[in-house]
């Protein structure tokens, strides 16, 4: 595989995710693929589809209401608790373990899948207790992280959100790129180079195409 030399210093990539979102999962695997070949630093942050949709559940199709009103909260609470109690360094490994179980293995956002992911990365088993905590101890921290990400792109979108350096060094944030399956190798690098390219253009806001296929939501 051909490679271009990485820029001086590591390029920061801030990534906001909800572990339930299959689109964020695909994009996260793309970013991880890029990290194999480019000198980037992925900084993981939490968003919440539950928070995003809590005031508009009655506007959503019925099949999404239970998922966003109930199922969406369990994994994101556990991830937030792990972050608060064990530091930001656990976010990437725990997200990978959760996503592998929820999306790749088809286990869905069950308590068993969450407990398995905690064990996979060596985190305390009792973090699972936060999944159904009625008055979530770290609700303020979850909402603050979500707010930081969503305010960069606007309330009308969701996960994933990424932010990369613009031409002047200031952060440029996007919803997306939304892609499935996750690109590999040269294809992943082309998409990365394109992401940096559009971030370098002052006044660039959006590219969108018709969605013809997507990840399977049936196990959520």
Foldseek 3Di string as FASTA:
>chain_A
DDADAEDPDAWEKEKEDQLQDPQQVQQVVLVVQVVVGYRHDYQYFYAFLLVLCVVPLVVDPPVCNCCSPALSQQLRLLLLVCCVVPHRVVNVQLSVQLNCVQAVVLQNSDLVSSLVSCVVVVHDSCSSVQRVDPPRPCPVVNVVRNCVQCVLQHSVAGDIKMWTAEPVRDIHMDHDPRDPNRDHDPVSVVVVVVVRVQSHDPPDRDDDDDDDDDGDSVSD
